[in-house]
Amino acid sequence: MNQQTSSSEPLLQVVGVHKRFTGVHALRGVTLSFERGQIYHLLGENGCGKSTLIKIISGAQPPDEGELIIEGKPHARLAPLEALAAGIETVYQDLSLLPNLNVAENVALTTELAEHGGRLARTFDRRALAQTAARALQAVGLSGDADFQATLIEQLPLATRQLVAIARAIASEAKFVIMDEPTTSLTQKEVDNLIAVLANLRAQGVTVLFVSHKLDECYAIGGEVIVMRDGQKVASGPIADYTKSQLSELMTGRHLSSERYRAGTTQAEVVLAVRELTRAGQFRDVSFALHRGEILGVTGLLDSGRNELARALAGVAPADSGGIALDGQPIVLRTPADAKRHRIGYVPEDRLNEGLFLDKSIRDNVITAMISSLRDRFGQIDRKRARELAVDTVKELQIATPDIDKPVQSLSGGNQQRVLIGRWLAIDPRVLILHGPTVGVDVGSKDIIYRIMQRLSLSGIGILLISDDLPELLQNCDRILMMKKGRVASEYRAEGLKEAALYHALLSEAA
C-alpha cells in the first residue's frame, strides 16, 4: 500500500459478487480488495470471468449478487457515470475511442462527461483542453504539440491509438485505472515506456488493475497478482512469489511447457521468394525466401515496416516495386483477391476490425473465402457443403462452441482467432501469413494455436509469422528476420537463440 495516503481502508472492495448469463455462471462469489497506489495483474484464460468483473467495476454491468465498496461507501451497482465520478477509468481492449474526433478531444472526453453529468459542453475550453491533453500525451511518450492533438483518431495506427486511450485515463486524474490488454499493439520499446508510466501512476497513489496475457510484462511491472479460473479467484499475492509455470497452471488447470514447439526441419524448396520489394515511405529493398513447411518469423519495432510488409504480401496495401514469386513463378499482388487466387492466406493483426464479421455466424465467417466455390449452378450457396466445411474446421481447430450458427462475437478471443485461421485453411493455402496471431489470446489458447501452426507447417504450408512477441518467435520459428527502418537488418536461426540477445538486437539503433 502507498505510504503517502492517510487512509488505511482499501480504495475499492469487491464483495461476494456473482454474475449469471443464460446458461453461464460467469462470476461465482468473487471477493477482492484493492489498496491505494498498488498495481494488480488480473490473469486468467478467456472466459474465466475477467471481462465480466471489469464491466461490473466500471459500471457497464450490474452484479446479480454482492456489492462494491468504494472508499468505504457500499454500492449494489454502479452506473458508468457514477464509476467515472468515483475516479474509476477503464482502457478497454477495443479502446472505445471516437474515430471522427481528434486526439485532444478523445483525451478530454471522459473528463468532460464526468464534469457535465454525462453531456458534452456545447463549447470546449480549447486552451485548457490542449494543456490537459499535452500533459497526458507526453506522459505516455506521445507528442503533445498542436499538430498531433488535431489529428483524427482514424488516421492513427493502432499502436498509437492504444497510447491515446491510456493518455485519456491519465488526463481524467483517475484513482483506479483498469487497463484491459493495453500492450496488445505496442512494440517492446513502447511497452518499456508504459512500464515507466505505470510506475509514475503508482507513485501518485493511483491503483491500477492490469489485465494481460503477457506474463513477462507483468513480472517487469511488479506488484500483486490475481488469478481467476471458471469465474472464481484461485490465487492472489505478490507476483514475484509465483513462477510463470505456476501461473500458467493456475490459469488453465493443466501444465503448459515453455519449451520450443518447433522440432528441427529439413531445408525444402522455396515456396515464396521476395526480391527487392519496396513501398515508398514504409519499406524498401526487402528480400527473403520462405521454404515449404518453414515457419519464418518477422519482427521489428513499430516503424520498422514489418506490419506494412505483411499487408503488401496480402495484397491489402501493395508494393510499388520489386518482385514476388510463388513456386518459382512470378506473381502480382495488387488486391486481396489476387492473394486468395494464388492461395496466400492472411490473418490480420486487428481481427475485430479487419478480419471477422462479428455479428455473423461462425459458419459464415469460416466460408467467406470459399463462397464462390460453394455456389451451385443457380448461384445459391450449397448449405450442406457450407455446414460440413464449418463443422470440420471447428473440429480440426478445437473451436469451443456448441453451435456453428452462433455469432462469432460470442466466442472468446482465442476461439475467434481460430475461426479466422480456419477461413484461410479452407482455400488449401500454399502460404499463410499470420500477423500477430496470439494478440489478446490467453495462455491456453496460445498453446492450441502454436500446435496448429506446427501441424500446418508439417503439412507443407509455408508460414510467415509477423510478431513482436519474442518468446512466440523463439518457440515456433525456424528463422527470424529483423526489420529496421524499412529494411531487413539481420537474420537469425531461432533454435538456440536467447531472448536477451534478440531483445538487445531489436533495440539497437544500427540497421
Protein backbone atom coordinates (compact mmCIF):
# COMPACT_ATOMS: atom_id res chain seq x y z
CA MET A 1 0.00 0.00 0.00
CA ASN A 2 1.16 3.52 -0.80
CA GLN A 3 2.53 5.10 2.35
CA GLN A 4 1.55 8.62 1.23
CA THR A 5 -2.14 8.07 1.83
CA SER A 6 -3.66 8.95 5.16
CA SER A 7 -6.40 6.33 4.94
CA SER A 8 -5.88 2.70 5.86
CA GLU A 9 -9.08 1.40 4.25
CA PRO A 10 -8.90 -0.12 0.75
CA LEU A 11 -9.74 2.12 -2.18
CA LEU A 12 -12.08 -0.50 -3.66
CA GLN A 13 -13.53 -3.79 -2.45
CA VAL A 14 -15.46 -6.38 -4.44
CA VAL A 15 -17.55 -8.41 -2.01
CA GLY A 16 -19.25 -11.73 -2.86
CA VAL A 17 -20.04 -10.79 -6.46
CA HIS A 18 -22.00 -13.21 -8.65
CA LYS A 19 -22.99 -12.73 -12.27
CA ARG A 20 -25.05 -15.09 -14.42
CA PHE A 21 -25.86 -15.09 -18.10
CA THR A 22 -28.03 -17.59 -19.95
CA GLY A 23 -26.54 -20.95 -19.09
CA VAL A 24 -23.31 -19.44 -17.74
CA HIS A 25 -22.34 -18.61 -14.15
CA ALA A 26 -19.65 -16.06 -15.11
CA LEU A 27 -18.67 -14.93 -11.59
CA ARG A 28 -19.02 -17.12 -8.51
CA GLY A 29 -18.79 -15.18 -5.27
CA VAL A 30 -15.68 -13.14 -6.14
CA THR A 31 -14.21 -11.12 -3.26
CA LEU A 32 -11.21 -8.82 -3.82
CA SER A 33 -9.57 -5.87 -2.10
CA PHE A 34 -7.60 -3.14 -3.89
CA GLU A 35 -5.25 -0.87 -1.94
CA ARG A 36 -4.29 2.64 -2.98
CA GLY A 37 -1.13 3.05 -5.00
CA GLN A 38 -0.78 -0.64 -5.91
CA ILE A 39 -0.63 -2.46 -9.24
CA TYR A 40 -2.68 -5.64 -9.62
CA HIS A 41 -2.36 -8.07 -12.52
CA LEU A 42 -5.62 -9.84 -13.36
CA LEU A 43 -4.77 -13.12 -15.08
CA GLY A 44 -6.82 -15.98 -16.46
CA GLU A 45 -7.92 -17.68 -19.65
CA ASN A 46 -10.53 -16.05 -21.87
CA GLY A 47 -13.92 -16.97 -20.44
CA CYS A 48 -12.70 -17.11 -16.83
CA GLY A 49 -14.71 -14.02 -15.81
CA LYS A 50 -12.10 -11.24 -16.15
CA SER A 51 -14.11 -9.16 -18.62
CA THR A 52 -17.31 -9.52 -16.60
CA LEU A 53 -15.51 -8.39 -13.44
CA ILE A 54 -14.09 -5.35 -15.24
CA LYS A 55 -17.53 -4.39 -16.56
CA ILE A 56 -19.06 -4.60 -13.09
CA ILE A 57 -16.32 -2.44 -11.54
CA SER A 58 -16.60 0.14 -14.36
CA GLY A 59 -20.41 0.25 -14.18
CA ALA A 60 -21.05 -1.32 -17.58
CA GLN A 61 -22.94 -4.24 -15.99
CA PRO A 62 -24.65 -4.75 -12.61
CA PRO A 63 -23.84 -7.74 -10.38
CA ASP A 64 -26.62 -10.23 -9.61
CA GLU A 65 -25.40 -10.56 -6.03
CA GLY A 66 -22.75 -8.88 -3.91
CA GLU A 67 -21.57 -5.28 -3.78
CA LEU A 68 -18.73 -2.85 -4.45
CA ILE A 69 -17.34 -0.73 -1.64
CA ILE A 70 -15.56 2.42 -2.86
CA GLU A 71 -13.67 4.37 -0.19
CA GLY A 72 -15.92 2.87 2.46
CA LYS A 73 -19.20 3.53 0.64
CA PRO A 74 -21.18 0.42 -0.46
CA HIS A 75 -22.79 0.21 -3.91
CA ALA A 76 -25.13 -2.56 -5.01
CA ARG A 77 -24.41 -1.42 -8.56
CA LEU A 78 -22.73 1.43 -10.40
CA ALA A 79 -23.77 3.34 -13.49
CA PRO A 80 -20.88 4.18 -15.86
CA LEU A 81 -21.02 7.89 -14.97
CA GLU A 82 -21.04 7.05 -11.26
CA ALA A 83 -17.91 4.97 -11.80
CA LEU A 84 -16.24 7.87 -13.61
CA ALA A 85 -17.26 10.27 -10.86
CA ALA A 86 -15.77 7.88 -8.30
CA GLY A 87 -12.45 8.02 -10.17
CA ILE A 88 -12.69 4.67 -11.99
CA GLU A 89 -11.37 4.86 -15.56
CA THR A 90 -11.17 1.93 -17.99
CA VAL A 91 -8.99 1.48 -21.06
CA TYR A 92 -10.87 -1.28 -22.88
CA GLN A 93 -9.27 -3.71 -25.30
CA ASP A 94 -11.27 -2.17 -28.18
CA LEU A 95 -10.04 1.28 -26.97
CA SER A 96 -13.53 2.91 -27.16
CA LEU A 97 -12.12 5.93 -28.95
CA LEU A 98 -14.22 8.06 -31.31
CA PRO A 99 -12.54 7.89 -34.73
CA ASN A 100 -14.13 11.08 -36.07
CA LEU A 101 -12.81 13.21 -33.17
CA ASN A 102 -9.24 14.39 -32.89
CA VAL A 103 -6.65 13.28 -30.37
CA ALA A 104 -7.18 16.14 -27.90
CA GLU A 105 -10.97 15.71 -27.90
CA ASN A 106 -10.65 11.97 -27.24
CA VAL A 107 -8.17 12.52 -24.42
CA ALA A 108 -10.50 15.02 -22.70
CA LEU A 109 -13.73 13.11 -23.36
CA THR A 110 -14.29 11.29 -20.06
CA THR A 111 -13.34 14.36 -18.02
CA GLU A 112 -15.97 16.36 -19.91
CA LEU A 113 -18.63 13.69 -19.41
CA ALA A 114 -17.94 13.40 -15.70
CA GLU A 115 -17.96 17.16 -15.16
CA HIS A 116 -21.15 17.81 -17.12
CA GLY A 117 -23.34 14.95 -15.91
CA GLY A 118 -22.93 12.78 -18.97
CA ARG A 119 -23.24 15.55 -21.53
CA LEU A 120 -20.53 17.27 -23.51
CA ALA A 121 -20.26 21.03 -23.08
CA ARG A 122 -21.57 22.94 -26.09
CA THR A 123 -18.15 24.54 -26.47
CA PHE A 124 -14.85 23.24 -25.14
CA ASP A 125 -12.35 25.49 -23.44
CA ARG A 126 -9.85 24.76 -26.18
CA ARG A 127 -6.89 26.23 -24.35
CA ALA A 128 -7.49 24.20 -21.18
CA LEU A 129 -8.23 21.12 -23.29
CA ALA A 130 -4.93 21.48 -25.16
CA GLN A 131 -2.96 21.88 -21.93
CA THR A 132 -4.59 18.82 -20.36
CA ALA A 133 -4.07 16.75 -23.49
CA ALA A 134 -0.43 17.81 -23.84
CA ARG A 135 0.40 16.69 -20.29
CA ALA A 136 -1.34 13.34 -20.66
CA LEU A 137 0.10 12.61 -24.12
CA GLN A 138 3.63 13.42 -23.03
CA ALA A 139 3.17 11.13 -20.01
CA VAL A 140 2.72 8.16 -22.37
CA GLY A 141 5.56 9.18 -24.68
CA LEU A 142 3.48 10.82 -27.43
CA SER A 143 3.86 14.31 -28.84
CA GLY A 144 1.77 16.98 -27.15
CA ASP A 145 2.11 19.52 -29.96
CA ALA A 146 -0.85 21.14 -31.69
CA ASP A 147 -0.50 19.20 -34.95
CA PHE A 148 -0.68 15.83 -33.24
CA GLN A 149 -3.55 16.93 -30.99
CA ALA A 150 -5.52 17.97 -34.09
CA THR A 151 -5.04 14.60 -35.82
CA LEU A 152 -8.18 12.49 -36.22
CA ILE A 153 -8.06 9.16 -34.37
CA GLU A 154 -8.98 7.26 -37.54
CA GLN A 155 -5.75 8.48 -39.14
CA LEU A 156 -3.53 6.95 -36.47
CA PRO A 157 -2.01 3.45 -36.45
CA LEU A 158 -3.43 1.00 -33.93
CA ALA A 159 -0.44 1.20 -31.57
CA THR A 160 -0.67 5.00 -31.34
CA ARG A 161 -4.42 4.79 -30.68
CA GLN A 162 -3.64 2.41 -27.82
CA LEU A 163 -1.39 5.03 -26.21
CA VAL A 164 -4.00 7.77 -26.75
CA ALA A 165 -6.54 5.63 -24.87
CA ILE A 166 -4.10 5.30 -21.97
CA ALA A 167 -3.46 9.07 -22.06
CA ARG A 168 -7.22 9.62 -21.69
CA ALA A 169 -7.19 7.70 -18.40
CA ILE A 170 -4.26 9.77 -17.16
CA ALA A 171 -5.98 13.04 -18.17
CA SER A 172 -9.02 12.23 -16.03
CA GLU A 173 -6.82 12.02 -12.91
CA ALA A 174 -8.44 8.73 -12.03
CA LYS A 175 -7.94 6.98 -8.68
CA PHE A 176 -8.47 3.49 -10.10
CA VAL A 177 -7.39 2.70 -13.67
CA ILE A 178 -8.31 -0.56 -15.39
CA MET A 179 -6.11 -1.43 -18.37
CA ASP A 180 -7.55 -4.28 -20.44
CA GLU A 181 -4.77 -5.71 -22.63
CA PRO A 182 -3.09 -2.29 -23.03
CA THR A 183 0.03 -3.61 -24.78
CA THR A 184 -1.55 -5.78 -27.48
CA SER A 185 -0.40 -3.47 -30.29
CA LEU A 186 2.72 -2.00 -28.68
CA THR A 187 6.29 -2.86 -29.53
CA GLN A 188 8.82 -3.61 -26.80
CA LYS A 189 10.13 -0.04 -26.81
CA GLU A 190 6.63 1.32 -26.21
CA VAL A 191 5.97 -1.32 -23.54
CA ASP A 192 9.08 -0.17 -21.67
CA ASN A 193 7.70 3.36 -21.80
CA LEU A 194 4.33 2.19 -20.47
CA ILE A 195 6.04 0.43 -17.55
CA ALA A 196 7.57 3.79 -16.59
CA VAL A 197 4.11 5.41 -16.88
CA LEU A 198 2.66 2.79 -14.51
CA ALA A 199 5.45 3.42 -12.01
CA ASN A 200 4.57 7.14 -12.03
CA LEU A 201 0.87 6.40 -11.52
CA ARG A 202 1.69 4.15 -8.60
CA ALA A 203 3.91 6.83 -7.05
CA GLN A 204 0.97 9.25 -7.27
CA GLY A 205 -1.24 6.85 -5.30
CA VAL A 206 -3.26 5.60 -8.30
CA THR A 207 -4.39 1.97 -8.22
CA VAL A 208 -4.00 0.05 -11.48
CA LEU A 209 -5.75 -3.17 -12.48
CA PHE A 210 -3.64 -4.51 -15.36
CA VAL A 211 -5.22 -7.27 -17.48
CA SER A 212 -2.75 -9.08 -19.69
CA HIS A 213 -1.80 -12.44 -21.16
CA LYS A 214 1.88 -11.43 -21.36
CA LEU A 215 3.48 -12.72 -18.19
CA ASP A 216 6.92 -11.23 -18.91
CA GLU A 217 5.38 -7.75 -18.88
CA CYS A 218 3.60 -8.47 -15.60
CA TYR A 219 6.86 -9.51 -13.95
CA ALA A 220 8.61 -6.40 -15.30
CA ILE A 221 5.89 -4.18 -13.83
CA GLY A 222 5.73 -5.97 -10.48
CA GLY A 223 3.05 -5.71 -7.82
CA GLU A 224 0.25 -8.11 -6.93
CA VAL A 225 -1.37 -10.84 -8.99
CA ILE A 226 -4.97 -12.12 -9.03
CA VAL A 227 -5.58 -15.40 -10.90
CA MET A 228 -9.09 -16.40 -11.99
CA ARG A 229 -10.43 -19.66 -13.38
CA ASP A 230 -14.04 -20.64 -14.08
CA GLY A 231 -15.45 -17.47 -12.54
CA GLN A 232 -13.56 -17.76 -9.25
CA LYS A 233 -10.41 -16.34 -7.73
CA VAL A 234 -7.98 -19.24 -7.40
CA ALA A 235 -4.85 -17.39 -6.20
CA SER A 236 -3.55 -13.95 -5.24
CA GLY A 237 -0.41 -12.41 -3.79
CA PRO A 238 2.87 -10.78 -4.86
CA ILE A 239 3.59 -11.77 -8.46
CA ALA A 240 7.25 -12.37 -7.57
CA ASP A 241 6.11 -15.31 -5.41
CA TYR A 242 4.95 -17.27 -8.49
CA THR A 243 6.86 -18.73 -11.43
CA LYS A 244 5.47 -18.45 -14.96
CA SER A 245 4.86 -22.18 -14.95
CA GLN A 246 2.86 -21.94 -11.71
CA LEU A 247 0.74 -19.06 -13.02
CA SER A 248 0.05 -20.89 -16.30
CA GLU A 249 -1.04 -23.98 -14.40
CA LEU A 250 -3.27 -21.94 -12.08
CA MET A 251 -4.94 -20.25 -15.07
CA THR A 252 -5.52 -23.37 -17.14
CA GLY A 253 -5.68 -26.16 -14.59
CA ARG A 254 -3.02 -28.04 -16.56
CA HIS A 255 0.72 -27.92 -17.09
CA LEU A 256 1.96 -25.97 -20.14
CA SER A 257 5.53 -26.29 -21.41
CA SER A 258 7.68 -23.24 -22.16
CA GLU A 259 9.98 -25.28 -24.42
CA ARG A 260 10.23 -24.86 -28.17
CA TYR A 261 7.26 -26.19 -30.12
CA ARG A 262 9.44 -26.40 -33.20
CA ALA A 263 11.36 -29.56 -33.97
CA GLY A 264 14.17 -29.07 -36.49
CA THR A 265 13.06 -29.17 -40.14
CA THR A 266 14.97 -30.11 -43.26
CA GLN A 267 15.53 -27.48 -45.94
CA ALA A 268 12.85 -27.78 -48.63
CA GLU A 269 12.23 -25.98 -51.90
CA VAL A 270 11.35 -22.29 -51.87
CA VAL A 271 7.59 -21.64 -51.95
CA LEU A 272 7.67 -17.82 -51.75
CA ALA A 273 10.54 -15.63 -52.97
CA VAL A 274 10.53 -11.88 -52.37
CA ARG A 275 13.07 -9.75 -54.21
CA GLU A 276 13.80 -6.05 -53.51
CA LEU A 277 10.19 -5.33 -52.55
CA THR A 278 9.57 -1.62 -51.92
CA ARG A 279 6.66 0.57 -50.84
CA ALA A 280 7.52 4.26 -50.63
CA GLY A 281 7.89 5.57 -47.09
CA GLN A 282 7.28 2.16 -45.48
CA PHE A 283 9.84 -0.46 -46.56
CA ARG A 284 12.47 -0.82 -49.27
CA ASP A 285 14.58 -3.49 -50.96
CA VAL A 286 13.15 -6.32 -48.84
CA SER A 287 14.36 -9.73 -50.00
CA PHE A 288 13.88 -13.17 -48.46
CA ALA A 289 12.88 -16.75 -49.26
CA LEU A 290 10.22 -18.79 -47.46
CA HIS A 291 10.61 -22.56 -47.81
CA ARG A 292 7.83 -25.11 -47.98
CA GLY A 293 6.89 -26.19 -44.46
CA GLU A 294 9.01 -23.46 -42.87
CA ILE A 295 7.89 -21.01 -40.19
CA LEU A 296 9.71 -17.75 -40.86
CA GLY A 297 9.39 -15.01 -38.24
CA VAL A 298 9.49 -11.28 -38.98
CA THR A 299 9.89 -8.79 -36.14
CA GLY A 300 10.88 -5.17 -35.55
CA LEU A 301 9.72 -2.00 -33.85
CA LEU A 302 6.55 -0.17 -34.89
CA ASP A 303 8.31 1.92 -37.55
CA SER A 304 10.35 -1.00 -38.92
CA GLY A 305 8.00 -1.73 -41.82
CA ARG A 306 7.07 -5.24 -40.64
CA ASN A 307 3.32 -4.51 -40.49
CA GLU A 308 3.32 -2.84 -43.90
CA LEU A 309 5.26 -5.76 -45.40
CA ALA A 310 2.60 -8.18 -44.18
CA ARG A 311 -0.16 -6.09 -45.75
CA ALA A 312 1.74 -5.84 -49.05
CA LEU A 313 2.18 -9.61 -49.28
CA ALA A 314 -1.57 -9.99 -48.63
CA GLY A 315 -2.43 -7.52 -51.41
CA VAL A 316 -4.03 -5.12 -48.91
CA ALA A 317 -1.52 -2.28 -49.48
CA PRO A 318 0.59 -3.44 -52.45
CA ALA A 319 4.25 -2.74 -53.02
CA ASP A 320 5.36 -0.13 -55.56
CA SER A 321 8.21 -2.18 -56.97
CA GLY A 322 10.14 -5.41 -56.61
CA GLY A 323 9.24 -8.98 -57.39
CA ILE A 324 7.30 -11.84 -55.79
CA ALA A 325 7.47 -15.45 -56.99
CA LEU A 326 5.32 -18.37 -55.86
CA ASP A 327 6.71 -21.84 -56.57
CA GLY A 328 9.18 -20.19 -58.93
CA GLN A 329 6.53 -18.36 -60.97
CA PRO A 330 6.29 -14.53 -60.85
CA ILE A 331 3.01 -13.24 -59.41
CA VAL A 332 1.47 -9.80 -58.90
CA LEU A 333 -0.39 -8.99 -55.66
CA ARG A 334 -2.40 -5.82 -56.16
CA THR A 335 -5.53 -6.82 -54.20
CA PRO A 336 -6.54 -9.32 -51.50
CA ALA A 337 -8.37 -11.22 -54.26
CA ASP A 338 -5.03 -11.69 -56.04
CA ALA A 339 -3.54 -13.20 -52.88
CA LYS A 340 -6.51 -15.53 -52.44
CA ARG A 341 -6.33 -16.65 -56.07
CA HIS A 342 -2.69 -17.62 -55.52
CA ARG A 343 -3.68 -19.41 -52.28
CA ILE A 344 -1.99 -16.95 -49.93
CA GLY A 345 -3.97 -16.63 -46.70
CA TYR A 346 -3.74 -13.59 -44.41
CA VAL A 347 -4.76 -13.42 -40.74
CA PRO A 348 -4.60 -9.67 -39.90
CA GLU A 349 -3.32 -8.12 -36.69
CA ASP A 350 -6.67 -6.50 -35.81
CA ARG A 351 -9.12 -9.40 -36.06
CA LEU A 352 -12.08 -7.38 -34.75
CA ASN A 353 -11.93 -4.58 -37.33
CA GLU A 354 -10.08 -6.17 -40.25
CA GLY A 355 -10.77 -9.88 -40.04
CA LEU A 356 -14.11 -11.01 -38.64
CA PHE A 357 -17.76 -10.22 -39.31
CA LEU A 358 -18.66 -10.11 -35.63
CA ASP A 359 -22.45 -10.22 -35.97
CA LYS A 360 -22.32 -13.08 -38.49
CA SER A 361 -22.28 -16.75 -37.57
CA ILE A 362 -19.19 -18.89 -37.09
CA ARG A 363 -20.21 -20.79 -40.23
CA ASP A 364 -20.48 -17.63 -42.33
CA ASN A 365 -17.10 -16.39 -41.13
CA VAL A 366 -15.42 -19.71 -41.96
CA ILE A 367 -16.81 -19.96 -45.50
CA THR A 368 -16.20 -16.31 -46.51
CA ALA A 369 -13.06 -17.08 -48.53
CA MET A 370 -14.78 -20.02 -50.23
CA ILE A 371 -18.18 -18.57 -51.14
CA SER A 372 -17.63 -18.63 -54.91
CA SER A 373 -16.70 -22.33 -54.92
CA LEU A 374 -19.67 -23.21 -52.68
CA ARG A 375 -22.28 -21.82 -55.10
CA ASP A 376 -24.42 -24.21 -57.11
CA ARG A 377 -25.37 -23.76 -60.77
CA PHE A 378 -28.17 -21.38 -59.73
CA GLY A 379 -25.77 -19.13 -57.84
CA GLN A 380 -27.05 -20.24 -54.43
CA ILE A 381 -24.72 -21.33 -51.63
CA ASP A 382 -24.79 -25.09 -51.09
CA ARG A 383 -25.82 -25.04 -47.44
CA LYS A 384 -24.94 -28.67 -46.83
CA ARG A 385 -21.36 -28.26 -48.10
CA ALA A 386 -21.00 -24.97 -46.22
CA ARG A 387 -22.11 -26.59 -43.00
CA GLU A 388 -19.78 -29.56 -43.48
CA LEU A 389 -16.84 -27.21 -44.09
CA ALA A 390 -17.62 -25.20 -40.95
CA VAL A 391 -18.14 -28.29 -38.78
CA ASP A 392 -14.84 -29.80 -39.98
CA THR A 393 -13.00 -26.53 -39.28
CA VAL A 394 -14.44 -26.25 -35.77
CA LYS A 395 -13.37 -29.81 -35.04
CA GLU A 396 -9.89 -29.52 -36.58
CA LEU A 397 -9.02 -26.24 -34.83
CA GLN A 398 -10.65 -27.13 -31.49
CA ILE A 399 -13.01 -24.13 -31.58
CA ALA A 400 -15.13 -24.25 -28.43
CA THR A 401 -18.74 -23.70 -29.44
CA PRO A 402 -21.97 -25.71 -29.10
CA ASP A 403 -23.34 -24.36 -32.40
CA ILE A 404 -21.70 -23.09 -35.62
CA ASP A 405 -24.71 -20.79 -36.14
CA LYS A 406 -23.80 -18.70 -33.08
CA PRO A 407 -22.39 -15.21 -33.85
CA VAL A 408 -18.61 -15.18 -33.84
CA GLN A 409 -18.64 -12.32 -31.31
CA SER A 410 -19.95 -14.80 -28.74
CA LEU A 411 -16.59 -16.60 -28.77
CA SER A 412 -13.50 -15.88 -26.69
CA GLY A 413 -10.54 -14.15 -28.35
CA GLY A 414 -8.64 -17.39 -28.84
CA ASN A 415 -11.60 -19.12 -30.48
CA GLN A 416 -12.25 -16.09 -32.70
CA GLN A 417 -8.65 -16.25 -33.88
CA ARG A 418 -9.00 -19.92 -34.74
CA VAL A 419 -12.13 -19.14 -36.80
CA LEU A 420 -10.06 -16.64 -38.77
CA ILE A 421 -7.25 -19.15 -39.31
CA GLY A 422 -9.85 -21.73 -40.35
CA ARG A 423 -11.24 -19.38 -43.01
CA TRP A 424 -7.91 -19.43 -44.83
CA LEU A 425 -7.29 -23.14 -44.34
CA ALA A 426 -10.43 -23.65 -46.42
CA ILE A 427 -8.58 -22.35 -49.52
CA ASP A 428 -5.84 -25.01 -49.07
CA PRO A 429 -3.13 -22.33 -48.79
CA ARG A 430 0.43 -22.62 -50.05
CA VAL A 431 1.44 -19.68 -47.86
CA LEU A 432 -0.18 -18.47 -44.63
CA ILE A 433 0.67 -15.01 -43.28
CA LEU A 434 -0.09 -14.80 -39.55
CA HIS A 435 0.10 -11.20 -38.32
CA GLY A 436 0.15 -11.18 -34.51
CA PRO A 437 -1.81 -14.47 -34.29
CA THR A 438 -1.99 -14.54 -30.47
CA VAL A 439 -2.63 -10.85 -29.72
CA GLY A 440 -5.17 -10.71 -26.87
CA VAL A 441 -5.20 -14.51 -26.54
CA ASP A 442 -4.83 -16.38 -23.24
CA VAL A 443 -2.05 -18.88 -22.49
CA GLY A 444 -4.23 -21.94 -23.07
CA SER A 445 -5.39 -20.71 -26.49
CA LYS A 446 -1.83 -19.72 -27.37
CA ASP A 447 -0.76 -23.30 -26.77
CA ILE A 448 -3.50 -24.57 -29.10
CA ILE A 449 -2.67 -22.02 -31.83
CA TYR A 450 1.05 -22.83 -31.64
CA ARG A 451 0.33 -26.53 -32.04
CA ILE A 452 -1.94 -25.77 -35.01
CA MET A 453 0.87 -23.74 -36.60
CA GLN A 454 3.31 -26.60 -36.22
CA ARG A 455 0.82 -29.07 -37.68
CA LEU A 456 0.17 -26.81 -40.67
CA SER A 457 3.89 -26.38 -41.37
CA LEU A 458 4.38 -30.15 -41.27
CA SER A 459 1.68 -30.44 -43.94
CA GLY A 460 3.87 -28.32 -46.24
CA ILE A 461 2.37 -24.85 -45.80
CA GLY A 462 4.94 -22.04 -45.66
CA ILE A 463 4.11 -19.78 -42.70
CA LEU A 464 5.19 -16.16 -42.33
CA LEU A 465 4.80 -15.17 -38.66
CA ILE A 466 4.79 -11.39 -38.10
CA SER A 467 5.11 -10.73 -34.37
CA ASP A 468 6.77 -8.63 -31.68
CA ASP A 469 6.26 -11.38 -29.09
CA LEU A 470 9.84 -12.60 -28.80
CA PRO A 471 9.10 -15.86 -26.88
CA GLU A 472 6.47 -16.66 -29.54
CA LEU A 473 9.05 -16.28 -32.31
CA LEU A 474 11.71 -18.27 -30.50
CA GLN A 475 9.34 -21.12 -29.64
CA ASN A 476 7.82 -21.51 -33.10
CA CYS A 477 10.14 -20.35 -35.88
CA ASP A 478 12.96 -21.86 -37.92
CA ARG A 479 14.42 -18.46 -38.81
CA ILE A 480 13.71 -14.88 -37.71
CA LEU A 481 14.15 -11.76 -39.87
CA MET A 482 14.59 -8.47 -38.02
CA MET A 483 13.45 -5.32 -39.80
CA LYS A 484 14.69 -1.82 -39.01
CA LYS A 485 13.86 1.42 -40.76
CA GLY A 486 12.10 -0.39 -43.59
CA ARG A 487 14.84 -2.90 -44.34
CA VAL A 488 15.74 -6.44 -43.33
CA ALA A 489 18.63 -5.71 -40.96
CA SER A 490 19.54 -9.22 -39.83
CA GLU A 491 18.58 -12.89 -39.92
CA TYR A 492 18.77 -15.45 -37.09
CA ARG A 493 18.38 -19.17 -36.64
CA ALA A 494 15.72 -19.43 -33.94
CA GLU A 495 16.94 -22.66 -32.36
CA GLY A 496 19.40 -21.91 -29.58
CA LEU A 497 18.90 -18.13 -29.83
CA LYS A 498 18.46 -16.42 -26.45
CA GLU A 499 15.62 -13.97 -25.88
CA ALA A 500 18.00 -11.44 -24.27
CA ALA A 501 20.20 -11.42 -27.37
CA LEU A 502 17.19 -10.92 -29.68
CA TYR A 503 15.81 -8.17 -27.45
CA HIS A 504 19.16 -6.35 -27.41
CA ALA A 505 19.34 -6.55 -31.21
CA LEU A 506 15.77 -5.30 -31.52
CA LEU A 507 16.51 -2.12 -29.57
CA SER A 508 19.88 -1.49 -31.22
CA GLU A 509 19.74 1.55 -33.50
CA ALA A 510 22.05 0.16 -36.19
CA ALA A 511 20.26 -1.22 -39.24
